PDB file of N, CA and C in Angstrom:
ATOM      1  N   MET A   1      72.122  85.535  91.439  1.00  0.00           N
ATOM      2  CA  MET A   1      72.553  84.870  90.079  1.00  0.00           C
ATOM      3  C   MET A   1      74.010  85.491  89.920  1.00  0.00           C
ATOM      4  N   GLY A   2      74.062  86.957  89.576  1.00  0.00           N
ATOM      5  CA  GLY A   2      75.292  87.567  89.431  1.00  0.00           C
ATOM      6  C   GLY A   2      75.211  88.753  88.684  1.00  0.00           C
ATOM      7  N   ASP A   3      76.284  89.419  88.230  1.00  0.00           N
ATOM      8  CA  ASP A   3      76.235  90.788  87.593  1.00  0.00           C
ATOM      9  C   ASP A   3      76.988  90.809  86.379  1.00  0.00           C
ATOM     10  N   CYS A   4      76.765  91.634  85.476  1.00  0.00           N
ATOM     11  CA  CYS A   4      77.599  92.005  84.323  1.00  0.00           C
ATOM     12  C   CYS A   4      77.851  93.472  84.095  1.00  0.00           C
ATOM     13  N   VAL A   5      78.790  93.881  83.443  1.00  0.00           N
ATOM     14  CA  VAL A   5      79.253  95.304  83.294  1.00  0.00           C
ATOM     15  C   VAL A   5      79.737  95.452  81.950  1.00  0.00           C
ATOM     16  N   CYS A   6      79.594  96.646  81.434  1.00  0.00           N
ATOM     17  CA  CYS A   6      80.221  97.194  80.303  1.00  0.00           C
ATOM     18  C   CYS A   6      80.448  98.717  80.629  1.00  0.00           C
ATOM     19  N   ARG A   7      81.789  98.795  80.897  1.00  0.00           N
ATOM     20  CA  ARG A   7      81.990 100.258  81.443  1.00  0.00           C
ATOM     21  C   ARG A   7      82.695 101.019  80.405  1.00  0.00           C
ATOM     22  N   VAL A   8      82.010 102.135  80.100  1.00  0.00           N
ATOM     23  CA  VAL A   8      82.644 103.114  79.101  1.00  0.00           C
ATOM     24  C   VAL A   8      82.431 104.597  79.400  1.00  0.00           C
ATOM     25  N   THR A   9      82.067 104.756  80.684  1.00  0.00           N
ATOM     26  CA  THR A   9      82.089 106.090  81.162  1.00  0.00           C
ATOM     27  C   THR A   9      83.120 106.296  82.129  1.00  0.00           C
ATOM     28  N   ASP A  10      83.324 107.881  82.362  1.00  0.00           N
ATOM     29  CA  ASP A  10      84.163 108.150  83.414  1.00  0.00           C
ATOM     30  C   ASP A  10      83.412 108.364  84.632  1.00  0.00           C
ATOM     31  N   PRO A  11      83.717 107.642  85.672  1.00  0.00           N
ATOM     32  CA  PRO A  11      82.721 107.761  87.050  1.00  0.00           C
ATOM     33  C   PRO A  11      82.727 109.139  87.534  1.00  0.00           C
ATOM     34  N   GLY A  12      83.707 109.939  87.323  1.00  0.00           N
ATOM     35  CA  GLY A  12      83.574 111.391  87.968  1.00  0.00           C
ATOM     36  C   GLY A  12      82.845 112.175  87.060  1.00  0.00           C
ATOM     37  N   SER A  13      82.963 112.264  85.627  1.00  0.00           N
ATOM     38  CA  SER A  13      82.399 113.078  84.874  1.00  0.00           C
ATOM     39  C   SER A  13      81.111 112.542  83.994  1.00  0.00           C
ATOM     40  N   ARG A  14      80.985 111.316  84.045  1.00  0.00           N
ATOM     41  CA  ARG A  14      80.013 110.619  83.330  1.00  0.00           C
ATOM     42  C   ARG A  14      80.074 111.056  82.006  1.00  0.00           C
ATOM     43  N   GLU A  15      81.249 111.472  81.358  1.00  0.00           N
ATOM     44  CA  GLU A  15      81.558 111.597  79.958  1.00  0.00           C
ATOM     45  C   GLU A  15      81.421 110.442  79.151  1.00  0.00           C
ATOM     46  N   ASP A  16      80.927 110.233  78.040  1.00  0.00           N
ATOM     47  CA  ASP A  16      80.776 109.129  77.138  1.00  0.00           C
ATOM     48  C   ASP A  16      82.103 108.904  76.596  1.00  0.00           C
ATOM     49  N   LEU A  17      83.019 107.950  77.363  1.00  0.00           N
ATOM     50  CA  LEU A  17      84.321 107.705  76.673  1.00  0.00           C
ATOM     51  C   LEU A  17      84.151 106.710  75.665  1.00  0.00           C
ATOM     52  N   ALA A  18      83.192 106.065  75.260  1.00  0.00           N
ATOM     53  CA  ALA A  18      83.233 105.136  74.001  1.00  0.00           C
ATOM     54  C   ALA A  18      83.365 105.919  72.755  1.00  0.00           C
ATOM     55  N   ARG A  19      83.068 107.246  72.721  1.00  0.00           N
ATOM     56  CA  ARG A  19      83.176 107.850  71.444  1.00  0.00           C
ATOM     57  C   ARG A  19      84.623 108.363  71.458  1.00  0.00           C
ATOM     58  N   ILE A  20      85.298 108.663  72.627  1.00  0.00           N
ATOM     59  CA  ILE A  20      86.407 109.159  72.841  1.00  0.00           C
ATOM     60  C   ILE A  20      87.556 108.167  72.468  1.00  0.00           C
ATOM     61  N   ILE A  21      87.612 107.068  73.242  1.00  0.00           N
ATOM     62  CA  ILE A  21      88.537 105.979  73.174  1.00  0.00           C
ATOM     63  C   ILE A  21      88.320 104.846  72.488  1.00  0.00           C
ATOM     64  N   GLY A  22      87.096 104.460  72.032  1.00  0.00           N
ATOM     65  CA  GLY A  22      86.628 103.391  71.113  1.00  0.00           C
ATOM     66  C   GLY A  22      86.689 102.166  71.510  1.00  0.00           C
ATOM     67  N   GLN A  23      86.653 101.948  73.034  1.00  0.00           N
ATOM     68  CA  GLN A  23      86.948 100.571  73.608  1.00  0.00           C
ATOM     69  C   GLN A  23      86.164 100.754  74.961  1.00  0.00           C
ATOM     70  N   ALA A  24      85.990  99.328  75.418  1.00  0.00           N
ATOM     71  CA  ALA A  24      85.217  99.191  76.804  1.00  0.00           C
ATOM     72  C   ALA A  24      85.745  98.045  77.366  1.00  0.00           C
ATOM     73  N   TYR A  25      85.577  97.821  78.711  1.00  0.00           N
ATOM     74  CA  TYR A  25      85.831  96.736  79.439  1.00  0.00           C
ATOM     75  C   TYR A  25      84.418  96.048  79.754  1.00  0.00           C
ATOM     76  N   ILE A  26      84.427  94.610  79.632  1.00  0.00           N
ATOM     77  CA  ILE A  26      83.327  93.950  79.840  1.00  0.00           C
ATOM     78  C   ILE A  26      83.565  92.925  81.036  1.00  0.00           C
ATOM     79  N   GLY A  27      82.586  92.529  81.878  1.00  0.00           N
ATOM     80  CA  GLY A  27      82.994  91.443  82.746  1.00  0.00           C
ATOM     81  C   GLY A  27      81.700  90.897  83.224  1.00  0.00           C
ATOM     82  N   TYR A  28      81.785  89.890  83.805  1.00  0.00           N
ATOM     83  CA  TYR A  28      80.676  89.091  84.461  1.00  0.00           C
ATOM     84  C   TYR A  28      81.002  88.295  85.795  1.00  0.00           C
ATOM     85  N   PHE A  29      80.150  88.194  86.601  1.00  0.00           N
ATOM     86  CA  PHE A  29      80.626  87.619  88.006  1.00  0.00           C
ATOM     87  C   PHE A  29      79.309  86.827  88.384  1.00  0.00           C
ATOM     88  N   LEU A  30      79.316  85.487  88.414  1.00  0.00           N
ATOM     89  CA  LEU A  30      78.244  84.663  88.766  1.00  0.00           C
ATOM     90  C   LEU A  30      78.383  83.925  90.043  1.00  0.00           C
ATOM     91  N   GLY A  31      77.252  83.763  90.802  1.00  0.00           N
ATOM     92  CA  GLY A  31      77.227  82.920  91.911  1.00  0.00           C
ATOM     93  C   GLY A  31      77.344  81.421  91.563  1.00  0.00           C
ATOM     94  N   ARG A  32      77.876  80.619  92.486  1.00  0.00           N
ATOM     95  CA  ARG A  32      78.121  79.234  92.239  1.00  0.00           C
ATOM     96  C   ARG A  32      76.939  78.449  91.634  1.00  0.00           C
ATOM     97  N   GLY A  33      75.711  78.748  92.194  1.00  0.00           N
ATOM     98  CA  GLY A  33      74.451  78.286  91.415  1.00  0.00           C
ATOM     99  C   GLY A  33      74.383  78.430  89.946  1.00  0.00           C
ATOM    100  N   SER A  34      75.056  79.350  89.601  1.00  0.00           N
ATOM    101  CA  SER A  34      74.646  79.790  88.073  1.00  0.00           C
ATOM    102  C   SER A  34      75.977  79.267  87.228  1.00  0.00           C
ATOM    103  N   TRP A  35      76.953  78.604  87.717  1.00  0.00           N
ATOM    104  CA  TRP A  35      78.055  78.274  86.912  1.00  0.00           C
ATOM    105  C   TRP A  35      77.697  77.015  86.156  1.00  0.00           C
ATOM    106  N   GLY A  36      78.336  77.018  85.021  1.00  0.00           N
ATOM    107  CA  GLY A  36      78.227  75.895  83.976  1.00  0.00           C
ATOM    108  C   GLY A  36      76.789  75.814  83.367  1.00  0.00           C
ATOM    109  N   LYS A  37      76.042  76.945  83.294  1.00  0.00           N
ATOM    110  CA  LYS A  37      74.733  76.981  82.743  1.00  0.00           C
ATOM    111  C   LYS A  37      74.565  77.620  81.249  1.00  0.00           C
ATOM    112  N   GLY A  38      75.922  78.195  81.015  1.00  0.00           N
ATOM    113  CA  GLY A  38      75.797  79.140  79.889  1.00  0.00           C
ATOM    114  C   GLY A  38      75.605  80.477  79.915  1.00  0.00           C
ATOM    115  N   TYR A  39      75.282  81.053  81.086  1.00  0.00           N
ATOM    116  CA  TYR A  39      74.904  82.274  81.307  1.00  0.00           C
ATOM    117  C   TYR A  39      76.046  83.265  80.993  1.00  0.00           C
ATOM    118  N   ALA A  40      77.348  83.121  81.241  1.00  0.00           N
ATOM    119  CA  ALA A  40      78.379  84.086  80.984  1.00  0.00           C
ATOM    120  C   ALA A  40      78.566  84.156  79.522  1.00  0.00           C
ATOM    121  N   THR A  41      78.502  83.072  78.885  1.00  0.00           N
ATOM    122  CA  THR A  41      78.623  82.990  77.384  1.00  0.00           C
ATOM    123  C   THR A  41      77.460  83.943  76.766  1.00  0.00           C
ATOM    124  N   GLU A  42      76.363  83.718  77.178  1.00  0.00           N
ATOM    125  CA  GLU A  42      75.171  84.616  76.755  1.00  0.00           C
ATOM    126  C   GLU A  42      75.266  85.958  77.139  1.00  0.00           C
ATOM    127  N   VAL A  43      75.639  86.195  78.292  1.00  0.00           N
ATOM    128  CA  VAL A  43      75.856  87.755  78.609  1.00  0.00           C
ATOM    129  C   VAL A  43      76.910  88.367  77.921  1.00  0.00           C
ATOM    130  N   GLY A  44      78.091  87.505  77.749  1.00  0.00           N
ATOM    131  CA  GLY A  44      79.238  88.024  76.951  1.00  0.00           C
ATOM    132  C   GLY A  44      78.809  88.393  75.513  1.00  0.00           C
ATOM    133  N   ARG A  45      77.984  87.541  74.865  1.00  0.00           N
ATOM    134  CA  ARG A  45      77.525  87.784  73.562  1.00  0.00           C
ATOM    135  C   ARG A  45      76.770  89.158  73.478  1.00  0.00           C
ATOM    136  N   ALA A  46      75.933  89.113  74.496  1.00  0.00           N
ATOM    137  CA  ALA A  46      74.933  90.390  74.292  1.00  0.00           C
ATOM    138  C   ALA A  46      75.845  91.621  74.747  1.00  0.00           C
ATOM    139  N   LEU A  47      76.716  91.629  75.528  1.00  0.00           N
ATOM    140  CA  LEU A  47      77.669  92.722  75.874  1.00  0.00           C
ATOM    141  C   LEU A  47      78.517  93.342  74.510  1.00  0.00           C
ATOM    142  N   LEU A  48      79.090  92.142  73.843  1.00  0.00           N
ATOM    143  CA  LEU A  48      79.866  92.274  72.785  1.00  0.00           C
ATOM    144  C   LEU A  48      79.034  92.962  71.672  1.00  0.00           C
ATOM    145  N   SER A  49      77.940  92.346  71.346  1.00  0.00           N
ATOM    146  CA  SER A  49      77.076  92.903  70.418  1.00  0.00           C
ATOM    147  C   SER A  49      76.543  94.356  70.806  1.00  0.00           C
ATOM    148  N   PHE A  50      76.211  94.624  72.051  1.00  0.00           N
ATOM    149  CA  PHE A  50      75.759  95.999  72.231  1.00  0.00           C
ATOM    150  C   PHE A  50      77.175  96.857  72.142  1.00  0.00           C
ATOM    151  N   GLY A  51      78.172  96.607  72.503  1.00  0.00           N
ATOM    152  CA  GLY A  51      79.501  97.427  72.293  1.00  0.00           C
ATOM    153  C   GLY A  51      79.775  97.693  70.955  1.00  0.00           C
ATOM    154  N   PHE A  52      79.673  96.493  70.104  1.00  0.00           N
ATOM    155  CA  PHE A  52      80.120  96.875  68.678  1.00  0.00           C
ATOM    156  C   PHE A  52      78.923  97.343  67.940  1.00  0.00           C
ATOM    157  N   ASP A  53      77.612  96.966  68.151  1.00  0.00           N
ATOM    158  CA  ASP A  53      76.557  97.350  67.120  1.00  0.00           C
ATOM    159  C   ASP A  53      76.157  98.646  67.543  1.00  0.00           C
ATOM    160  N   GLN A  54      75.796  98.960  68.862  1.00  0.00           N
ATOM    161  CA  GLN A  54      75.176 100.151  69.318  1.00  0.00           C
ATOM    162  C   GLN A  54      76.193 101.123  69.541  1.00  0.00           C
ATOM    163  N   LEU A  55      77.224 100.776  70.366  1.00  0.00           N
ATOM    164  CA  LEU A  55      78.168 101.890  70.697  1.00  0.00           C
ATOM    165  C   LEU A  55      79.350 102.029  69.755  1.00  0.00           C
ATOM    166  N   LYS A  56      79.273 101.228  68.776  1.00  0.00           N
ATOM    167  CA  LYS A  56      80.168 101.382  67.610  1.00  0.00           C
ATOM    168  C   LYS A  56      81.851 101.377  68.105  1.00  0.00           C
ATOM    169  N   LEU A  57      82.024 100.749  69.053  1.00  0.00           N
ATOM    170  CA  LEU A  57      83.363 100.422  69.514  1.00  0.00           C
ATOM    171  C   LEU A  57      84.324  99.821  68.628  1.00  0.00           C
ATOM    172  N   LEU A  58      85.585 100.122  68.827  1.00  0.00           N
ATOM    173  CA  LEU A  58      86.623  99.505  68.009  1.00  0.00           C
ATOM    174  C   LEU A  58      87.077  98.227  68.679  1.00  0.00           C
ATOM    175  N   ARG A  59      87.324  98.310  70.053  1.00  0.00           N
ATOM    176  CA  ARG A  59      87.928  97.171  70.844  1.00  0.00           C
ATOM    177  C   ARG A  59      87.074  96.901  72.231  1.00  0.00           C
ATOM    178  N   ILE A  60      86.999  95.692  72.470  1.00  0.00           N
ATOM    179  CA  ILE A  60      86.415  95.419  73.701  1.00  0.00           C
ATOM    180  C   ILE A  60      87.301  94.319  74.332  1.00  0.00           C
ATOM    181  N   TRP A  61      87.582  94.470  75.753  1.00  0.00           N
ATOM    182  CA  TRP A  61      88.537  93.786  76.430  1.00  0.00           C
ATOM    183  C   TRP A  61      87.933  93.225  77.722  1.00  0.00           C
ATOM    184  N   ALA A  62      88.455  92.044  78.357  1.00  0.00           N
ATOM    185  CA  ALA A  62      87.909  91.565  79.611  1.00  0.00           C
ATOM    186  C   ALA A  62      89.277  90.908  80.277  1.00  0.00           C
ATOM    187  N   TRP A  63      89.259  90.656  81.587  1.00  0.00           N
ATOM    188  CA  TRP A  63      90.142  89.836  82.184  1.00  0.00           C
ATOM    189  C   TRP A  63      89.757  88.867  82.987  1.00  0.00           C
ATOM    190  N   CYS A  64      90.467  87.827  83.301  1.00  0.00           N
ATOM    191  CA  CYS A  64      90.018  86.702  84.356  1.00  0.00           C
ATOM    192  C   CYS A  64      91.239  86.174  85.091  1.00  0.00           C
ATOM    193  N   ASP A  65      90.959  85.604  86.098  1.00  0.00           N
ATOM    194  CA  ASP A  65      92.040  84.792  86.984  1.00  0.00           C
ATOM    195  C   ASP A  65      92.509  83.697  86.082  1.00  0.00           C
ATOM    196  N   THR A  66      93.888  83.675  85.930  1.00  0.00           N
ATOM    197  CA  THR A  66      94.587  82.562  85.173  1.00  0.00           C
ATOM    198  C   THR A  66      94.040  81.286  85.655  1.00  0.00           C
ATOM    199  N   GLU A  67      93.863  80.916  87.041  1.00  0.00           N
ATOM    200  CA  GLU A  67      93.248  79.693  87.299  1.00  0.00           C
ATOM    201  C   GLU A  67      91.669  79.552  86.960  1.00  0.00           C
ATOM    202  N   ASN A  68      91.157  80.471  86.433  1.00  0.00           N
ATOM    203  CA  ASN A  68      89.640  80.318  86.232  1.00  0.00           C
ATOM    204  C   ASN A  68      89.523  79.707  84.778  1.00  0.00           C
ATOM    205  N   SER A  69      89.673  78.425  84.604  1.00  0.00           N
ATOM    206  CA  SER A  69      89.511  77.697  83.217  1.00  0.00           C
ATOM    207  C   SER A  69      88.308  77.999  82.681  1.00  0.00           C
ATOM    208  N   ALA A  70      87.073  77.838  83.494  1.00  0.00           N
ATOM    209  CA  ALA A  70      85.705  78.166  82.868  1.00  0.00           C
ATOM    210  C   ALA A  70      85.685  79.453  82.266  1.00  0.00           C
ATOM    211  N   SER A  71      86.343  80.597  82.893  1.00  0.00           N
ATOM    212  CA  SER A  71      86.199  82.030  82.432  1.00  0.00           C
ATOM    213  C   SER A  71      86.900  82.130  81.092  1.00  0.00           C
ATOM    214  N   VAL A  72      88.201  81.477  81.239  1.00  0.00           N
ATOM    215  CA  VAL A  72      89.195  81.456  79.800  1.00  0.00           C
ATOM    216  C   VAL A  72      88.195  80.809  78.660  1.00  0.00           C
ATOM    217  N   ARG A  73      87.535  79.786  79.045  1.00  0.00           N
ATOM    218  CA  ARG A  73      86.725  79.112  77.896  1.00  0.00           C
ATOM    219  C   ARG A  73      85.757  79.992  77.469  1.00  0.00           C
ATOM    220  N   VAL A  74      84.870  80.722  78.349  1.00  0.00           N
ATOM    221  CA  VAL A  74      83.989  81.633  77.894  1.00  0.00           C
ATOM    222  C   VAL A  74      84.637  82.674  76.886  1.00  0.00           C
ATOM    223  N   LEU A  75      85.623  83.365  77.383  1.00  0.00           N
ATOM    224  CA  LEU A  75      86.238  84.374  76.529  1.00  0.00           C
ATOM    225  C   LEU A  75      86.624  83.857  75.225  1.00  0.00           C
ATOM    226  N   GLU A  76      87.257  82.732  75.247  1.00  0.00           N
ATOM    227  CA  GLU A  76      87.733  82.181  73.945  1.00  0.00           C
ATOM    228  C   GLU A  76      86.673  81.563  73.105  1.00  0.00           C
ATOM    229  N   LYS A  77      85.468  81.198  73.789  1.00  0.00           N
ATOM    230  CA  LYS A  77      84.206  80.997  72.902  1.00  0.00           C
ATOM    231  C   LYS A  77      83.709  82.282  72.365  1.00  0.00           C
ATOM    232  N   LEU A  78      83.737  83.299  72.872  1.00  0.00           N
ATOM    233  CA  LEU A  78      83.312  84.515  72.419  1.00  0.00           C
ATOM    234  C   LEU A  78      84.330  85.203  71.180  1.00  0.00           C
ATOM    235  N   GLY A  79      85.263  84.451  70.952  1.00  0.00           N
ATOM    236  CA  GLY A  79      86.200  85.021  69.896  1.00  0.00           C
ATOM    237  C   GLY A  79      87.381  85.829  70.390  1.00  0.00           C
ATOM    238  N   MET A  80      87.309  86.054  71.646  1.00  0.00           N
ATOM    239  CA  MET A  80      88.314  87.024  72.304  1.00  0.00           C
ATOM    240  C   MET A  80      89.898  86.317  72.291  1.00  0.00           C
ATOM    241  N   ARG A  81      90.917  87.100  72.057  1.00  0.00           N
ATOM    242  CA  ARG A  81      92.189  86.573  72.043  1.00  0.00           C
ATOM    243  C   ARG A  81      92.994  86.943  73.466  1.00  0.00           C
ATOM    244  N   ARG A  82      93.729  86.039  73.802  1.00  0.00           N
ATOM    245  CA  ARG A  82      94.678  86.320  74.991  1.00  0.00           C
ATOM    246  C   ARG A  82      95.643  87.333  74.497  1.00  0.00           C
ATOM    247  N   GLU A  83      95.582  88.487  75.034  1.00  0.00           N
ATOM    248  CA  GLU A  83      96.645  89.571  74.675  1.00  0.00           C
ATOM    249  C   GLU A  83      97.794  89.804  75.775  1.00  0.00           C
ATOM    250  N   ALA A  84      97.441  89.283  76.983  1.00  0.00           N
ATOM    251  CA  ALA A  84      98.471  89.484  77.927  1.00  0.00           C
ATOM    252  C   ALA A  84      98.187  88.599  79.133  1.00  0.00           C
ATOM    253  N   HIS A  85      99.330  88.580  79.953  1.00  0.00           N
ATOM    254  CA  HIS A  85      99.340  87.688  81.196  1.00  0.00           C
ATOM    255  C   HIS A  85     100.081  88.557  82.147  1.00  0.00           C
ATOM    256  N   PHE A  86      99.332  89.143  83.201  1.00  0.00           N
ATOM    257  CA  PHE A  86      99.840  89.997  84.277  1.00  0.00           C
ATOM    258  C   PHE A  86      99.917  89.198  85.431  1.00  0.00           C
ATOM    259  N   ARG A  87     101.227  89.189  85.948  1.00  0.00           N
ATOM    260  CA  ARG A  87     101.687  88.443  87.287  1.00  0.00           C
ATOM    261  C   ARG A  87     101.178  89.275  88.348  1.00  0.00           C
ATOM    262  N   LYS A  88     100.552  88.431  89.456  1.00  0.00           N
ATOM    263  CA  LYS A  88     100.139  89.361  90.786  1.00  0.00           C
ATOM    264  C   LYS A  88      99.550  90.652  90.552  1.00  0.00           C
ATOM    265  N   SER A  89      98.621  90.721  89.677  1.00  0.00           N
ATOM    266  CA  SER A  89      98.042  91.942  89.240  1.00  0.00           C
ATOM    267  C   SER A  89      96.682  92.121  89.915  1.00  0.00           C
ATOM    268  N   VAL A  90      95.948  91.180  90.391  1.00  0.00           N
ATOM    269  CA  VAL A  90      94.591  91.428  90.930  1.00  0.00           C
ATOM    270  C   VAL A  90      94.583  90.684  92.317  1.00  0.00           C
ATOM    271  N   MET A  91      93.705  91.273  93.169  1.00  0.00           N
ATOM    272  CA  MET A  91      93.488  90.657  94.500  1.00  0.00           C
ATOM    273  C   MET A  91      92.037  89.877  94.374  1.00  0.00           C
ATOM    274  N   VAL A  92      92.261  88.693  94.618  1.00  0.00           N
ATOM    275  CA  VAL A  92      91.073  87.793  94.819  1.00  0.00           C
ATOM    276  C   VAL A  92      91.057  86.998  96.001  1.00  0.00           C
ATOM    277  N   GLN A  93      90.008  87.305  96.849  1.00  0.00           N
ATOM    278  CA  GLN A  93      89.789  86.661  98.191  1.00  0.00           C
ATOM    279  C   GLN A  93      91.149  86.843  99.029  1.00  0.00           C
ATOM    280  N   GLY A  94      91.678  88.132  98.932  1.00  0.00           N
ATOM    281  CA  GLY A  94      92.840  88.332  99.990  1.00  0.00           C
ATOM    282  C   GLY A  94      94.213  87.842  99.362  1.00  0.00           C
ATOM    283  N   ASP A  95      94.238  87.405  98.217  1.00  0.00           N
ATOM    284  CA  ASP A  95      95.440  86.771  97.457  1.00  0.00           C
ATOM    285  C   ASP A  95      95.674  87.671  96.321  1.00  0.00           C
ATOM    286  N   TRP A  96      96.944  87.925  96.003  1.00  0.00           N
ATOM    287  CA  TRP A  96      97.440  88.446  94.636  1.00  0.00           C
ATOM    288  C   TRP A  96      97.544  87.460  93.688  1.00  0.00           C
ATOM    289  N   ARG A  97      96.899  87.646  92.561  1.00  0.00           N
ATOM    290  CA  ARG A  97      96.750  86.454  91.681  1.00  0.00           C
ATOM    291  C   ARG A  97      97.200  87.069  90.240  1.00  0.00           C
ATOM    292  N   ASP A  98      97.540  86.004  89.481  1.00  0.00           N
ATOM    293  CA  ASP A  98      98.039  86.389  87.970  1.00  0.00           C
ATOM    294  C   ASP A  98      96.510  86.602  87.242  1.00  0.00           C
ATOM    295  N   CYS A  99      96.496  87.430  86.024  1.00  0.00           N
ATOM    296  CA  CYS A  99      95.264  87.375  85.133  1.00  0.00           C
ATOM    297  C   CYS A  99      95.701  87.455  83.894  1.00  0.00           C
ATOM    298  N   PHE A 100      94.845  87.072  83.043  1.00  0.00           N
ATOM    299  CA  PHE A 100      94.852  87.022  81.739  1.00  0.00           C
ATOM    300  C   PHE A 100      93.860  88.232  81.175  1.00  0.00           C
ATOM    301  N   VAL A 101      94.615  89.020  80.068  1.00  0.00           N
ATOM    302  CA  VAL A 101      93.601  89.976  79.583  1.00  0.00           C
ATOM    303  C   VAL A 101      93.188  89.483  78.194  1.00  0.00           C
ATOM    304  N   TYR A 102      92.191  89.466  77.738  1.00  0.00           N
ATOM    305  CA  TYR A 102      91.575  89.068  76.476  1.00  0.00           C
ATOM    306  C   TYR A 102      90.930  90.254  75.740  1.00  0.00           C
ATOM    307  N   GLY A 103      91.020  90.337  74.558  1.00  0.00           N
ATOM    308  CA  GLY A 103      90.451  91.477  73.753  1.00  0.00           C
ATOM    309  C   GLY A 103      89.856  91.036  72.248  1.00  0.00           C
ATOM    310  N   ILE A 104      89.070  91.710  71.811  1.00  0.00           N
ATOM    311  CA  ILE A 104      88.557  91.276  70.355  1.00  0.00           C
ATOM    312  C   ILE A 104      88.172  92.772  69.777  1.00  0.00           C
ATOM    313  N   LEU A 105      88.229  92.750  68.461  1.00  0.00           N
ATOM    314  CA  LEU A 105      88.294  94.037  67.656  1.00  0.00           C
ATOM    315  C   LEU A 105      86.917  93.877  66.902  1.00  0.00           C
ATOM    316  N   ARG A 106      86.335  94.898  66.543  1.00  0.00           N
ATOM    317  CA  ARG A 106      85.040  95.018  65.903  1.00  0.00           C
ATOM    318  C   ARG A 106      85.117  94.102  64.641  1.00  0.00           C
ATOM    319  N   ASP A 107      86.219  94.261  63.875  1.00  0.00           N
ATOM    320  CA  ASP A 107      86.177  93.444  62.586  1.00  0.00           C
ATOM    321  C   ASP A 107      86.408  91.989  62.911  1.00  0.00           C
ATOM    322  N   GLU A 108      86.648  91.617  64.154  1.00  0.00           N
ATOM    323  CA  GLU A 108      86.896  90.169  64.377  1.00  0.00           C
ATOM    324  C   GLU A 108      85.395  89.444  64.906  1.00  0.00           C
ATOM    325  N   TRP A 109      84.531  90.351  65.240  1.00  0.00           N
ATOM    326  CA  TRP A 109      83.210  89.997  65.903  1.00  0.00           C
ATOM    327  C   TRP A 109      82.321  89.456  64.896  1.00  0.00           C
ATOM    328  N   ASP A 110      81.824  88.342  65.072  1.00  0.00           N
ATOM    329  CA  ASP A 110      81.045  87.900  63.886  1.00  0.00           C
ATOM    330  C   ASP A 110      79.708  87.309  64.915  1.00  0.00           C
ATOM    331  N   PRO A 111      78.565  87.969  64.951  1.00  0.00           N
ATOM    332  CA  PRO A 111      77.566  87.504  65.935  1.00  0.00           C
ATOM    333  C   PRO A 111      76.902  86.495  65.384  1.00  0.00           C
ATOM    334  N   ILE A 112      76.754  86.320  64.014  1.00  0.00           N
ATOM    335  CA  ILE A 112      76.011  85.083  63.512  1.00  0.00           C
ATOM    336  C   ILE A 112      76.762  83.714  63.751  1.00  0.00           C
ATOM    337  N   ALA A 113      78.100  83.837  63.806  1.00  0.00           N
ATOM    338  CA  ALA A 113      79.015  82.633  63.746  1.00  0.00           C
ATOM    339  C   ALA A 113      78.947  82.281  65.521  1.00  0.00           C
ATOM    340  N   LYS A 114      78.676  83.272  66.404  1.00  0.00           N
ATOM    341  CA  LYS A 114      78.683  82.961  67.746  1.00  0.00           C
ATOM    342  C   LYS A 114      77.534  82.434  68.247  1.00  0.00           C
ATOM    343  N   ILE A 115      76.373  82.205  67.622  1.00  0.00           N
ATOM    344  CA  ILE A 115      75.151  81.767  68.211  1.00  0.00           C
ATOM    345  C   ILE A 115      75.202  80.444  68.259  1.00  0.00           C
TER     346      ILE A 115
END
């Protein structure tokens, strides 16, 4: 099916960075058979809710390939705003690709409106 991630720890020390920096990265990776079924949106909502409600984060961010229109729609549906366009910044299947960075602040997150 796929994977999801909410990264808030320093891999070396396992120190809880959420309390120190107040932000985290979220991501989702789905196999083709799981595309278009709403799983990424559902996972994104759960990760945002966990980050803001449980970890009390200030900001959560994500990135996607600029050519991945489905992922762009998911992030925008979650209420995230496009904050940056980085050129040739990520390697995707052996090619350097552009990416968009999206972010959302705790006071912008409304889990009731997102259901």
